[in-house]
Amino acid sequence: MARANPIDKHDERRRALADSALRTLGELGYARSSLREIANNSPFSHGVVHYYFSDKLELIVYGVRQYKAVCVTRYDGVVAGATTADGLVSAFADKLCETIVDEAPMHRLWYDLRAQSMFEETLREAVQQIDHTLEDMVWRVVTRFAELAGTDLALTSHAVYGMFDGVFQQALLRYVCGQEREALDDLRSEVHALVPLTLRPGAAVTTPVEVGSTP
């Protein structure tokens, strides 16, 4: 039987520690979390956590990178499964709402970390890289929307990402403040209103006829 690669085992333990730590960090936030506090709220001792991560910054960046790498792939299914422009918008809006309901603490940690990068230079490279993957994810959605609509996009990927990131963050804030229903309903409405605005001015959204349907 082949022996496990020590490097693989090391990475596996780091991933397990990061998953456990993110739950604590999502509740306490960046500033209020120490490596010892993270250990106290996980199945691992402070010594074990410190062995795999030199400080909380390394742990947080590793964990958020890991989480966002999985998060962005969820929207690939939305893009791949879309057959109409309207259907894509609805699926995109539903997925955004779903991830707020299921993972609000993780998103809250991400926005906390991004704000901290304004003051901590050591965070900036990781935050910018994660931000870029999120921008690419949103761009894939609207690019597919334009293809299904039979027209071209009018905005840059940076502008599109800023627009949807803004409405998502506002919805998240309202959600964690106790306005769950209103936050999700408004987010759906805003996504349906904003996605068509990414298209070339004056373009009409044309929904392709499904195969086998009557024109």
N, C-alpha and C. Protein backbone atom coordinates (compact mmCIF):
# COMPACT_ATOMS: atom_id res chain seq x y z
N MET A 1 0.84 -1.19 0.00
CA MET A 1 0.00 0.00 0.00
C MET A 1 0.89 1.25 0.00
N ALA A 2 0.57 2.19 -0.88
CA ALA A 2 1.36 3.41 -0.97
C ALA A 2 1.19 4.25 0.28
N ARG A 3 2.29 4.81 0.73
CA ARG A 3 2.26 5.67 1.91
C ARG A 3 1.76 7.06 1.52
N ALA A 4 1.04 7.69 2.44
CA ALA A 4 0.52 9.03 2.17
C ALA A 4 1.67 10.02 2.06
N ASN A 5 1.59 10.91 1.11
CA ASN A 5 2.59 11.95 0.94
C ASN A 5 2.51 12.91 2.11
N PRO A 6 3.64 13.14 2.82
CA PRO A 6 3.62 14.07 3.97
C PRO A 6 3.13 15.46 3.60
N ILE A 7 3.42 15.89 2.37
CA ILE A 7 2.97 17.22 1.94
C ILE A 7 1.45 17.25 1.82
N ASP A 8 0.87 16.16 1.29
CA ASP A 8 -0.58 16.08 1.18
C ASP A 8 -1.24 16.09 2.54
N LYS A 9 -0.66 15.35 3.50
CA LYS A 9 -1.20 15.31 4.85
C LYS A 9 -1.12 16.68 5.52
N HIS A 10 -0.02 17.38 5.26
CA HIS A 10 0.15 18.72 5.82
C HIS A 10 -0.90 19.66 5.27
N ASP A 11 -1.13 19.62 3.96
CA ASP A 11 -2.13 20.48 3.34
C ASP A 11 -3.54 20.12 3.80
N GLU A 12 -3.78 18.82 3.97
CA GLU A 12 -5.10 18.39 4.45
C GLU A 12 -5.38 18.94 5.84
N ARG A 13 -4.39 18.91 6.73
CA ARG A 13 -4.58 19.44 8.07
C ARG A 13 -4.77 20.96 8.04
N ARG A 14 -4.04 21.65 7.18
CA ARG A 14 -4.21 23.09 7.06
C ARG A 14 -5.63 23.44 6.59
N ARG A 15 -6.14 22.66 5.64
CA ARG A 15 -7.50 22.91 5.16
C ARG A 15 -8.51 22.66 6.27
N ALA A 16 -8.32 21.61 7.05
CA ALA A 16 -9.24 21.31 8.15
C ALA A 16 -9.20 22.41 9.21
N LEU A 17 -8.01 22.88 9.53
CA LEU A 17 -7.87 23.97 10.50
C LEU A 17 -8.53 25.25 9.98
N ALA A 18 -8.34 25.53 8.70
CA ALA A 18 -8.92 26.75 8.12
C ALA A 18 -10.44 26.68 8.13
N ASP A 19 -11.00 25.53 7.78
CA ASP A 19 -12.47 25.37 7.79
C ASP A 19 -13.02 25.62 9.19
N SER A 20 -12.35 25.08 10.19
CA SER A 20 -12.80 25.25 11.57
C SER A 20 -12.66 26.71 12.01
N ALA A 21 -11.54 27.31 11.64
CA ALA A 21 -11.28 28.69 12.06
C ALA A 21 -12.24 29.67 11.43
N LEU A 22 -12.64 29.44 10.18
CA LEU A 22 -13.50 30.38 9.49
C LEU A 22 -14.84 30.56 10.19
N ARG A 23 -15.33 29.51 10.81
CA ARG A 23 -16.60 29.64 11.53
C ARG A 23 -16.47 30.63 12.69
N THR A 24 -15.36 30.54 13.41
CA THR A 24 -15.12 31.48 14.51
C THR A 24 -14.89 32.88 13.98
N LEU A 25 -14.09 33.00 12.94
CA LEU A 25 -13.78 34.31 12.37
C LEU A 25 -15.02 34.97 11.80
N GLY A 26 -15.92 34.16 11.24
CA GLY A 26 -17.15 34.71 10.70
C GLY A 26 -18.03 35.33 11.77
N GLU A 27 -17.92 34.83 12.98
CA GLU A 27 -18.71 35.37 14.08
C GLU A 27 -18.03 36.55 14.76
N LEU A 28 -16.72 36.46 14.96
CA LEU A 28 -16.00 37.48 15.72
C LEU A 28 -15.43 38.60 14.87
N GLY A 29 -15.14 38.30 13.59
CA GLY A 29 -14.51 39.30 12.75
C GLY A 29 -13.00 39.28 12.89
N TYR A 30 -12.34 40.03 12.03
CA TYR A 30 -10.87 40.03 11.98
C TYR A 30 -10.25 40.60 13.25
N ALA A 31 -10.69 41.77 13.66
CA ALA A 31 -10.02 42.49 14.74
C ALA A 31 -10.15 41.77 16.08
N ARG A 32 -11.26 41.10 16.33
CA ARG A 32 -11.51 40.49 17.63
C ARG A 32 -11.00 39.06 17.73
N SER A 33 -10.41 38.54 16.67
CA SER A 33 -9.96 37.15 16.67
C SER A 33 -8.45 37.07 16.82
N SER A 34 -8.00 36.31 17.81
CA SER A 34 -6.59 35.99 17.95
C SER A 34 -6.41 34.51 17.62
N LEU A 35 -5.17 34.09 17.41
CA LEU A 35 -4.92 32.69 17.11
C LEU A 35 -5.39 31.81 18.27
N ARG A 36 -5.20 32.28 19.49
CA ARG A 36 -5.65 31.50 20.66
C ARG A 36 -7.18 31.44 20.72
N GLU A 37 -7.84 32.55 20.41
CA GLU A 37 -9.30 32.56 20.40
C GLU A 37 -9.86 31.61 19.34
N ILE A 38 -9.20 31.59 18.22
CA ILE A 38 -9.60 30.68 17.15
C ILE A 38 -9.46 29.23 17.60
N ALA A 39 -8.34 28.93 18.26
CA ALA A 39 -8.11 27.57 18.76
C ALA A 39 -9.14 27.18 19.81
N ASN A 40 -9.47 28.13 20.69
CA ASN A 40 -10.44 27.84 21.76
C ASN A 40 -11.82 27.51 21.22
N ASN A 41 -12.12 27.98 20.03
CA ASN A 41 -13.42 27.73 19.43
C ASN A 41 -13.36 26.67 18.33
N SER A 42 -12.34 25.84 18.40
CA SER A 42 -12.18 24.77 17.42
C SER A 42 -11.75 23.50 18.15
N PRO A 43 -11.77 22.35 17.47
CA PRO A 43 -11.34 21.10 18.10
C PRO A 43 -9.82 21.01 18.26
N PHE A 44 -9.09 22.03 17.82
CA PHE A 44 -7.64 21.95 17.81
C PHE A 44 -7.03 22.84 18.90
N SER A 45 -5.89 22.42 19.41
CA SER A 45 -5.21 23.20 20.44
C SER A 45 -4.50 24.40 19.82
N HIS A 46 -4.15 25.35 20.68
CA HIS A 46 -3.43 26.53 20.21
C HIS A 46 -2.10 26.12 19.60
N GLY A 47 -1.44 25.13 20.20
CA GLY A 47 -0.15 24.67 19.69
C GLY A 47 -0.26 24.08 18.29
N VAL A 48 -1.33 23.32 18.05
CA VAL A 48 -1.53 22.72 16.73
C VAL A 48 -1.79 23.80 15.69
N VAL A 49 -2.66 24.75 16.03
CA VAL A 49 -2.96 25.84 15.10
C VAL A 49 -1.69 26.62 14.78
N HIS A 50 -0.90 26.92 15.80
CA HIS A 50 0.31 27.72 15.61
C HIS A 50 1.37 26.95 14.84
N TYR A 51 1.34 25.65 14.91
CA TYR A 51 2.30 24.83 14.16
C TYR A 51 2.07 24.95 12.66
N TYR A 52 0.81 24.99 12.26
CA TYR A 52 0.48 25.02 10.84
C TYR A 52 0.38 26.43 10.28
N PHE A 53 0.14 27.41 11.14
CA PHE A 53 0.02 28.80 10.69
C PHE A 53 0.80 29.70 11.64
N SER A 54 1.63 30.56 11.08
CA SER A 54 2.49 31.39 11.92
C SER A 54 1.72 32.45 12.70
N ASP A 55 0.63 32.95 12.11
CA ASP A 55 -0.19 33.94 12.79
C ASP A 55 -1.60 33.92 12.22
N LYS A 56 -2.47 34.72 12.79
CA LYS A 56 -3.87 34.69 12.34
C LYS A 56 -4.02 35.22 10.93
N LEU A 57 -3.15 36.13 10.51
CA LEU A 57 -3.22 36.67 9.16
C LEU A 57 -3.03 35.55 8.13
N GLU A 58 -2.02 34.73 8.33
CA GLU A 58 -1.77 33.62 7.40
C GLU A 58 -2.96 32.66 7.39
N LEU A 59 -3.51 32.38 8.56
CA LEU A 59 -4.65 31.47 8.66
C LEU A 59 -5.88 32.04 7.96
N ILE A 60 -6.17 33.31 8.20
CA ILE A 60 -7.35 33.94 7.62
C ILE A 60 -7.23 34.00 6.09
N VAL A 61 -6.10 34.43 5.59
CA VAL A 61 -5.92 34.54 4.15
C VAL A 61 -6.04 33.16 3.50
N TYR A 62 -5.43 32.17 4.11
CA TYR A 62 -5.51 30.81 3.57
C TYR A 62 -6.97 30.34 3.54
N GLY A 63 -7.67 30.55 4.64
CA GLY A 63 -9.06 30.10 4.74
C GLY A 63 -9.99 30.80 3.77
N VAL A 64 -9.85 32.11 3.65
CA VAL A 64 -10.72 32.87 2.75
C VAL A 64 -10.43 32.52 1.30
N ARG A 65 -9.15 32.36 0.96
CA ARG A 65 -8.80 31.92 -0.39
C ARG A 65 -9.49 30.59 -0.70
N GLN A 66 -9.41 29.67 0.24
CA GLN A 66 -9.99 28.34 0.07
C GLN A 66 -11.49 28.43 -0.11
N TYR A 67 -12.14 29.24 0.72
CA TYR A 67 -13.59 29.37 0.64
C TYR A 67 -14.02 30.01 -0.68
N LYS A 68 -13.38 31.10 -1.06
CA LYS A 68 -13.78 31.80 -2.28
C LYS A 68 -13.49 30.98 -3.53
N ALA A 69 -12.45 30.14 -3.49
CA ALA A 69 -12.15 29.29 -4.64
C ALA A 69 -13.31 28.32 -4.91
N VAL A 70 -13.94 27.86 -3.84
CA VAL A 70 -15.10 26.99 -3.99
C VAL A 70 -16.33 27.81 -4.36
N CYS A 71 -16.48 28.97 -3.75
CA CYS A 71 -17.66 29.81 -3.94
C CYS A 71 -17.85 30.20 -5.39
N VAL A 72 -16.78 30.61 -6.06
CA VAL A 72 -16.93 31.11 -7.43
C VAL A 72 -17.35 30.00 -8.39
N THR A 73 -17.00 28.75 -8.10
CA THR A 73 -17.36 27.67 -9.01
C THR A 73 -18.86 27.38 -8.99
N ARG A 74 -19.55 27.79 -7.94
CA ARG A 74 -20.99 27.54 -7.86
C ARG A 74 -21.76 28.28 -8.94
N TYR A 75 -21.24 29.38 -9.37
CA TYR A 75 -21.91 30.16 -10.40
C TYR A 75 -21.61 29.62 -11.80
N ASP A 76 -20.59 28.78 -11.91
CA ASP A 76 -20.31 28.16 -13.20
C ASP A 76 -21.47 27.27 -13.63
N GLY A 77 -22.11 26.62 -12.65
CA GLY A 77 -23.28 25.81 -12.96
C GLY A 77 -24.44 26.65 -13.45
N VAL A 78 -24.58 27.86 -12.90
CA VAL A 78 -25.62 28.78 -13.34
C VAL A 78 -25.40 29.15 -14.80
N VAL A 79 -24.15 29.42 -15.15
CA VAL A 79 -23.82 29.80 -16.52
C VAL A 79 -24.02 28.62 -17.46
N ALA A 80 -23.51 27.46 -17.07
CA ALA A 80 -23.56 26.28 -17.93
C ALA A 80 -24.99 25.81 -18.18
N GLY A 81 -25.85 25.98 -17.18
CA GLY A 81 -27.21 25.47 -17.31
C GLY A 81 -28.20 26.44 -17.93
N ALA A 82 -27.76 27.65 -18.23
CA ALA A 82 -28.68 28.67 -18.75
C ALA A 82 -28.97 28.45 -20.23
N THR A 83 -30.25 28.48 -20.59
CA THR A 83 -30.65 28.35 -22.00
C THR A 83 -31.37 29.60 -22.49
N THR A 84 -31.79 30.47 -21.58
CA THR A 84 -32.44 31.73 -21.95
C THR A 84 -31.86 32.86 -21.11
N ALA A 85 -31.94 34.07 -21.60
CA ALA A 85 -31.42 35.22 -20.88
C ALA A 85 -32.17 35.41 -19.56
N ASP A 86 -33.51 35.34 -19.62
CA ASP A 86 -34.31 35.52 -18.41
C ASP A 86 -34.01 34.43 -17.39
N GLY A 87 -33.84 33.21 -17.87
CA GLY A 87 -33.55 32.10 -16.97
C GLY A 87 -32.22 32.27 -16.27
N LEU A 88 -31.24 32.80 -16.98
CA LEU A 88 -29.93 33.05 -16.40
C LEU A 88 -30.02 34.08 -15.28
N VAL A 89 -30.74 35.16 -15.54
CA VAL A 89 -30.88 36.21 -14.52
C VAL A 89 -31.55 35.65 -13.26
N SER A 90 -32.61 34.88 -13.44
CA SER A 90 -33.32 34.32 -12.29
C SER A 90 -32.42 33.37 -11.50
N ALA A 91 -31.66 32.52 -12.20
CA ALA A 91 -30.78 31.58 -11.53
C ALA A 91 -29.65 32.30 -10.80
N PHE A 92 -29.12 33.36 -11.40
CA PHE A 92 -28.06 34.17 -10.79
C PHE A 92 -28.58 34.83 -9.52
N ALA A 93 -29.76 35.43 -9.59
CA ALA A 93 -30.35 36.09 -8.43
C ALA A 93 -30.62 35.08 -7.31
N ASP A 94 -31.15 33.91 -7.67
CA ASP A 94 -31.44 32.88 -6.66
C ASP A 94 -30.17 32.40 -5.98
N LYS A 95 -29.09 32.24 -6.75
CA LYS A 95 -27.83 31.77 -6.18
C LYS A 95 -27.23 32.80 -5.23
N LEU A 96 -27.33 34.08 -5.58
CA LEU A 96 -26.83 35.13 -4.69
C LEU A 96 -27.59 35.13 -3.38
N CYS A 97 -28.90 34.98 -3.45
CA CYS A 97 -29.72 34.94 -2.23
C CYS A 97 -29.41 33.69 -1.41
N GLU A 98 -29.24 32.58 -2.09
CA GLU A 98 -28.95 31.32 -1.41
C GLU A 98 -27.65 31.39 -0.62
N THR A 99 -26.63 32.00 -1.21
CA THR A 99 -25.34 32.05 -0.53
C THR A 99 -25.37 33.01 0.66
N ILE A 100 -26.22 34.03 0.61
CA ILE A 100 -26.38 34.89 1.79
C ILE A 100 -27.02 34.11 2.93
N VAL A 101 -28.06 33.37 2.61
CA VAL A 101 -28.77 32.59 3.65
C VAL A 101 -27.85 31.53 4.24
N ASP A 102 -27.13 30.82 3.40
CA ASP A 102 -26.33 29.68 3.86
C ASP A 102 -24.98 30.08 4.45
N GLU A 103 -24.42 31.20 4.00
CA GLU A 103 -23.03 31.49 4.36
C GLU A 103 -22.79 32.96 4.70
N ALA A 104 -23.74 33.59 5.33
CA ALA A 104 -23.58 35.00 5.68
C ALA A 104 -22.31 35.28 6.50
N PRO A 105 -21.96 34.45 7.50
CA PRO A 105 -20.74 34.74 8.28
C PRO A 105 -19.48 34.77 7.41
N MET A 106 -19.41 33.90 6.42
CA MET A 106 -18.23 33.87 5.56
C MET A 106 -18.13 35.12 4.70
N HIS A 107 -19.26 35.57 4.17
CA HIS A 107 -19.26 36.79 3.38
C HIS A 107 -18.95 38.00 4.26
N ARG A 108 -19.48 37.98 5.46
CA ARG A 108 -19.19 39.08 6.38
C ARG A 108 -17.70 39.15 6.68
N LEU A 109 -17.05 37.99 6.86
CA LEU A 109 -15.60 37.96 7.09
C LEU A 109 -14.85 38.49 5.88
N TRP A 110 -15.29 38.14 4.68
CA TRP A 110 -14.63 38.62 3.48
C TRP A 110 -14.65 40.14 3.40
N TYR A 111 -15.79 40.74 3.64
CA TYR A 111 -15.87 42.20 3.57
C TYR A 111 -15.04 42.86 4.69
N ASP A 112 -14.99 42.21 5.84
CA ASP A 112 -14.15 42.70 6.94
C ASP A 112 -12.69 42.67 6.52
N LEU A 113 -12.29 41.56 5.93
CA LEU A 113 -10.90 41.41 5.51
C LEU A 113 -10.54 42.42 4.42
N ARG A 114 -11.45 42.64 3.51
CA ARG A 114 -11.19 43.59 2.42
C ARG A 114 -11.06 45.01 2.98
N ALA A 115 -11.87 45.36 3.96
CA ALA A 115 -11.75 46.68 4.58
C ALA A 115 -10.43 46.81 5.33
N GLN A 116 -10.02 45.75 6.02
CA GLN A 116 -8.75 45.79 6.77
C GLN A 116 -7.56 45.97 5.84
N SER A 117 -7.68 45.49 4.60
CA SER A 117 -6.56 45.62 3.67
C SER A 117 -6.26 47.07 3.32
N MET A 118 -7.21 47.96 3.58
CA MET A 118 -6.97 49.39 3.39
C MET A 118 -5.90 49.90 4.36
N PHE A 119 -5.76 49.21 5.49
CA PHE A 119 -4.84 49.65 6.54
C PHE A 119 -3.65 48.71 6.73
N GLU A 120 -3.79 47.44 6.33
CA GLU A 120 -2.73 46.47 6.51
C GLU A 120 -2.20 46.04 5.14
N GLU A 121 -1.01 46.49 4.83
CA GLU A 121 -0.43 46.23 3.51
C GLU A 121 -0.24 44.74 3.26
N THR A 122 0.01 43.96 4.32
CA THR A 122 0.26 42.53 4.16
C THR A 122 -0.97 41.78 3.65
N LEU A 123 -2.13 42.38 3.76
CA LEU A 123 -3.37 41.74 3.29
C LEU A 123 -3.67 42.04 1.82
N ARG A 124 -3.07 43.07 1.29
CA ARG A 124 -3.54 43.62 0.02
C ARG A 124 -3.38 42.68 -1.16
N GLU A 125 -2.27 42.01 -1.26
CA GLU A 125 -2.06 41.13 -2.42
C GLU A 125 -3.11 40.01 -2.45
N ALA A 126 -3.33 39.38 -1.30
CA ALA A 126 -4.31 38.29 -1.23
C ALA A 126 -5.71 38.79 -1.53
N VAL A 127 -6.07 39.94 -0.96
CA VAL A 127 -7.40 40.50 -1.19
C VAL A 127 -7.60 40.84 -2.66
N GLN A 128 -6.60 41.43 -3.28
CA GLN A 128 -6.73 41.79 -4.69
C GLN A 128 -6.87 40.54 -5.56
N GLN A 129 -6.16 39.49 -5.23
CA GLN A 129 -6.26 38.25 -6.00
C GLN A 129 -7.65 37.63 -5.87
N ILE A 130 -8.17 37.61 -4.65
CA ILE A 130 -9.51 37.07 -4.43
C ILE A 130 -10.54 37.93 -5.14
N ASP A 131 -10.39 39.24 -5.02
CA ASP A 131 -11.31 40.16 -5.70
C ASP A 131 -11.33 39.91 -7.21
N HIS A 132 -10.16 39.63 -7.75
CA HIS A 132 -10.08 39.39 -9.19
C HIS A 132 -10.84 38.12 -9.60
N THR A 133 -10.76 37.08 -8.79
CA THR A 133 -11.50 35.85 -9.11
C THR A 133 -13.00 36.09 -9.04
N LEU A 134 -13.44 36.93 -8.10
CA LEU A 134 -14.86 37.25 -8.00
C LEU A 134 -15.32 38.09 -9.18
N GLU A 135 -14.48 39.02 -9.59
CA GLU A 135 -14.80 39.84 -10.77
C GLU A 135 -14.94 38.96 -12.01
N ASP A 136 -14.03 38.00 -12.16
CA ASP A 136 -14.10 37.09 -13.30
C ASP A 136 -15.38 36.27 -13.27
N MET A 137 -15.80 35.87 -12.07
CA MET A 137 -17.02 35.07 -11.93
C MET A 137 -18.24 35.86 -12.40
N VAL A 138 -18.36 37.10 -11.95
CA VAL A 138 -19.49 37.93 -12.36
C VAL A 138 -19.43 38.20 -13.87
N TRP A 139 -18.24 38.39 -14.39
CA TRP A 139 -18.09 38.66 -15.82
C TRP A 139 -18.54 37.47 -16.66
N ARG A 140 -18.28 36.26 -16.19
CA ARG A 140 -18.74 35.07 -16.93
C ARG A 140 -20.26 35.04 -16.99
N VAL A 141 -20.91 35.46 -15.92
CA VAL A 141 -22.38 35.48 -15.89
C VAL A 141 -22.93 36.47 -16.91
N VAL A 142 -22.44 37.71 -16.89
CA VAL A 142 -23.01 38.72 -17.78
C VAL A 142 -22.60 38.49 -19.24
N THR A 143 -21.42 37.90 -19.45
CA THR A 143 -21.02 37.57 -20.81
C THR A 143 -21.96 36.54 -21.42
N ARG A 144 -22.32 35.54 -20.62
CA ARG A 144 -23.27 34.54 -21.09
C ARG A 144 -24.64 35.17 -21.30
N PHE A 145 -25.02 36.10 -20.45
CA PHE A 145 -26.30 36.80 -20.60
C PHE A 145 -26.34 37.53 -21.94
N ALA A 146 -25.25 38.23 -22.28
CA ALA A 146 -25.20 38.95 -23.54
C ALA A 146 -25.30 37.99 -24.73
N GLU A 147 -24.65 36.84 -24.62
CA GLU A 147 -24.74 35.84 -25.70
C GLU A 147 -26.18 35.36 -25.88
N LEU A 148 -26.85 35.07 -24.77
CA LEU A 148 -28.23 34.59 -24.84
C LEU A 148 -29.17 35.69 -25.31
N ALA A 149 -28.82 36.94 -25.00
CA ALA A 149 -29.66 38.07 -25.40
C ALA A 149 -29.39 38.48 -26.85
N GLY A 150 -28.34 37.95 -27.44
CA GLY A 150 -28.03 38.26 -28.83
C GLY A 150 -27.49 39.66 -29.04
N THR A 151 -26.71 40.16 -28.07
CA THR A 151 -26.16 41.51 -28.21
C THR A 151 -24.82 41.59 -27.50
N ASP A 152 -24.30 42.81 -27.33
CA ASP A 152 -22.98 43.01 -26.74
C ASP A 152 -23.09 43.69 -25.38
N LEU A 153 -22.04 43.54 -24.59
CA LEU A 153 -21.95 44.24 -23.31
C LEU A 153 -21.44 45.66 -23.52
N ALA A 154 -21.91 46.57 -22.67
CA ALA A 154 -21.52 47.97 -22.80
C ALA A 154 -20.54 48.40 -21.71
N LEU A 155 -20.42 47.61 -20.64
CA LEU A 155 -19.60 48.00 -19.50
C LEU A 155 -18.35 47.14 -19.40
N THR A 156 -17.37 47.64 -18.66
CA THR A 156 -16.16 46.86 -18.39
C THR A 156 -16.44 45.86 -17.27
N SER A 157 -15.59 44.85 -17.17
CA SER A 157 -15.77 43.86 -16.11
C SER A 157 -15.64 44.51 -14.73
N HIS A 158 -14.77 45.52 -14.63
CA HIS A 158 -14.58 46.20 -13.35
C HIS A 158 -15.85 46.93 -12.93
N ALA A 159 -16.49 47.60 -13.88
CA ALA A 159 -17.72 48.33 -13.56
C ALA A 159 -18.85 47.37 -13.21
N VAL A 160 -18.95 46.27 -13.94
CA VAL A 160 -20.00 45.29 -13.67
C VAL A 160 -19.82 44.68 -12.29
N TYR A 161 -18.59 44.32 -11.96
CA TYR A 161 -18.32 43.72 -10.65
C TYR A 161 -18.64 44.72 -9.53
N GLY A 162 -18.22 45.95 -9.70
CA GLY A 162 -18.50 46.95 -8.67
C GLY A 162 -19.99 47.13 -8.43
N MET A 163 -20.77 47.06 -9.48
CA MET A 163 -22.22 47.23 -9.38
C MET A 163 -22.85 46.08 -8.59
N PHE A 164 -22.51 44.85 -8.95
CA PHE A 164 -23.13 43.70 -8.28
C PHE A 164 -22.55 43.45 -6.89
N ASP A 165 -21.28 43.74 -6.73
CA ASP A 165 -20.70 43.62 -5.40
C ASP A 165 -21.37 44.59 -4.44
N GLY A 166 -21.68 45.78 -4.93
CA GLY A 166 -22.32 46.78 -4.08
C GLY A 166 -23.70 46.37 -3.63
N VAL A 167 -24.54 45.88 -4.54
CA VAL A 167 -25.89 45.49 -4.14
C VAL A 167 -25.86 44.24 -3.28
N PHE A 168 -24.89 43.35 -3.52
CA PHE A 168 -24.77 42.15 -2.69
C PHE A 168 -24.37 42.52 -1.27
N GLN A 169 -23.40 43.42 -1.13
CA GLN A 169 -22.96 43.83 0.20
C GLN A 169 -24.08 44.53 0.97
N GLN A 170 -24.85 45.35 0.29
CA GLN A 170 -25.97 46.02 0.94
C GLN A 170 -27.03 45.01 1.39
N ALA A 171 -27.28 44.02 0.57
CA ALA A 171 -28.25 42.98 0.94
C ALA A 171 -27.74 42.19 2.14
N LEU A 172 -26.45 41.87 2.14
CA LEU A 172 -25.86 41.15 3.27
C LEU A 172 -25.99 41.95 4.56
N LEU A 173 -25.70 43.24 4.49
CA LEU A 173 -25.80 44.10 5.67
C LEU A 173 -27.22 44.11 6.22
N ARG A 174 -28.19 44.26 5.35
CA ARG A 174 -29.58 44.26 5.80
C ARG A 174 -29.99 42.90 6.35
N TYR A 175 -29.47 41.85 5.74
CA TYR A 175 -29.80 40.49 6.19
C TYR A 175 -29.30 40.25 7.61
N VAL A 176 -28.05 40.60 7.90
CA VAL A 176 -27.49 40.36 9.23
C VAL A 176 -28.08 41.32 10.26
N CYS A 177 -28.71 42.40 9.79
CA CYS A 177 -29.36 43.34 10.70
C CYS A 177 -30.82 42.96 10.99
N GLY A 178 -31.24 41.80 10.50
CA GLY A 178 -32.58 41.32 10.82
C GLY A 178 -33.64 41.56 9.78
N GLN A 179 -33.28 42.15 8.64
CA GLN A 179 -34.26 42.41 7.58
C GLN A 179 -34.15 41.33 6.50
N GLU A 180 -34.28 40.07 6.92
CA GLU A 180 -33.99 38.96 6.02
C GLU A 180 -34.86 38.97 4.77
N ARG A 181 -36.17 38.99 4.94
CA ARG A 181 -37.07 38.91 3.79
C ARG A 181 -36.90 40.09 2.84
N GLU A 182 -36.87 41.28 3.40
CA GLU A 182 -36.74 42.47 2.55
C GLU A 182 -35.42 42.47 1.80
N ALA A 183 -34.34 42.06 2.50
CA ALA A 183 -33.02 42.07 1.87
C ALA A 183 -32.96 41.14 0.67
N LEU A 184 -33.51 39.94 0.82
CA LEU A 184 -33.47 38.96 -0.26
C LEU A 184 -34.40 39.33 -1.41
N ASP A 185 -35.61 39.81 -1.06
CA ASP A 185 -36.55 40.23 -2.10
C ASP A 185 -35.99 41.38 -2.93
N ASP A 186 -35.40 42.35 -2.23
CA ASP A 186 -34.84 43.50 -2.95
C ASP A 186 -33.62 43.10 -3.78
N LEU A 187 -32.82 42.17 -3.27
CA LEU A 187 -31.66 41.74 -4.04
C LEU A 187 -32.10 41.08 -5.34
N ARG A 188 -33.11 40.24 -5.28
CA ARG A 188 -33.62 39.61 -6.50
C ARG A 188 -34.11 40.66 -7.50
N SER A 189 -34.86 41.63 -6.99
CA SER A 189 -35.39 42.68 -7.87
C SER A 189 -34.26 43.50 -8.50
N GLU A 190 -33.26 43.81 -7.70
CA GLU A 190 -32.15 44.63 -8.19
C GLU A 190 -31.34 43.88 -9.24
N VAL A 191 -31.12 42.58 -9.03
CA VAL A 191 -30.38 41.80 -10.02
C VAL A 191 -31.14 41.77 -11.35
N HIS A 192 -32.47 41.56 -11.29
CA HIS A 192 -33.27 41.54 -12.50
C HIS A 192 -33.24 42.91 -13.20
N ALA A 193 -33.14 43.97 -12.44
CA ALA A 193 -33.12 45.31 -13.04
C ALA A 193 -31.74 45.67 -13.58
N LEU A 194 -30.68 45.21 -12.89
CA LEU A 194 -29.34 45.65 -13.23
C LEU A 194 -28.68 44.85 -14.36
N VAL A 195 -28.94 43.56 -14.43
CA VAL A 195 -28.27 42.76 -15.46
C VAL A 195 -28.52 43.31 -16.87
N PRO A 196 -29.75 43.66 -17.25
CA PRO A 196 -29.96 44.22 -18.59
C PRO A 196 -29.22 45.53 -18.83
N LEU A 197 -28.90 46.25 -17.76
CA LEU A 197 -28.18 47.52 -17.92
C LEU A 197 -26.73 47.33 -18.34
N THR A 198 -26.24 46.08 -18.26
CA THR A 198 -24.87 45.82 -18.70
C THR A 198 -24.77 45.75 -20.22
N LEU A 199 -25.91 45.69 -20.90
CA LEU A 199 -25.92 45.54 -22.35
C LEU A 199 -25.74 46.87 -23.07
N ARG A 200 -25.38 46.79 -24.32
CA ARG A 200 -25.24 47.98 -25.17
C ARG A 200 -26.55 48.77 -25.17
N PRO A 201 -26.50 50.08 -24.98
CA PRO A 201 -27.72 50.90 -24.94
C PRO A 201 -28.58 50.70 -26.19
N GLY A 202 -29.87 50.52 -25.95
CA GLY A 202 -30.80 50.35 -27.06
C GLY A 202 -30.95 48.92 -27.51
N ALA A 203 -30.16 48.00 -26.93
CA ALA A 203 -30.25 46.61 -27.35
C ALA A 203 -31.50 45.98 -26.77
N ALA A 204 -32.15 45.18 -27.57
CA ALA A 204 -33.34 44.46 -27.11
C ALA A 204 -32.95 43.03 -26.78
N VAL A 205 -33.39 42.57 -25.63
CA VAL A 205 -33.09 41.21 -25.22
C VAL A 205 -33.93 40.25 -26.03
N THR A 206 -33.26 39.37 -26.77
CA THR A 206 -33.97 38.40 -27.57
C THR A 206 -33.76 37.02 -26.98
N THR A 207 -34.83 36.38 -26.58
CA THR A 207 -34.74 35.07 -25.98
C THR A 207 -34.81 34.01 -27.06
N PRO A 208 -33.80 33.14 -27.18
CA PRO A 208 -33.82 32.11 -28.22
C PRO A 208 -34.99 31.17 -28.06
N VAL A 209 -35.49 30.67 -29.19
CA VAL A 209 -36.59 29.70 -29.15
C VAL A 209 -36.04 28.36 -28.75
N GLU A 210 -36.66 27.71 -27.76
CA GLU A 210 -36.21 26.40 -27.33
C GLU A 210 -36.41 25.38 -28.45
N VAL A 211 -35.52 24.40 -28.51
CA VAL A 211 -35.64 23.34 -29.52
C VAL A 211 -36.94 22.57 -29.31
N GLY A 212 -37.69 22.41 -30.38
CA GLY A 212 -38.94 21.67 -30.28
C GLY A 212 -40.14 22.51 -29.93
N SER A 213 -39.92 23.80 -29.65
CA SER A 213 -41.04 24.67 -29.30
C SER A 213 -41.60 25.33 -30.55
N THR A 214 -42.76 25.93 -30.40
CA THR A 214 -43.38 26.60 -31.53
C THR A 214 -43.03 28.08 -31.51
N PRO A 215 -42.46 28.61 -32.57
CA PRO A 215 -42.07 30.03 -32.62
C PRO A 215 -43.28 30.95 -32.41
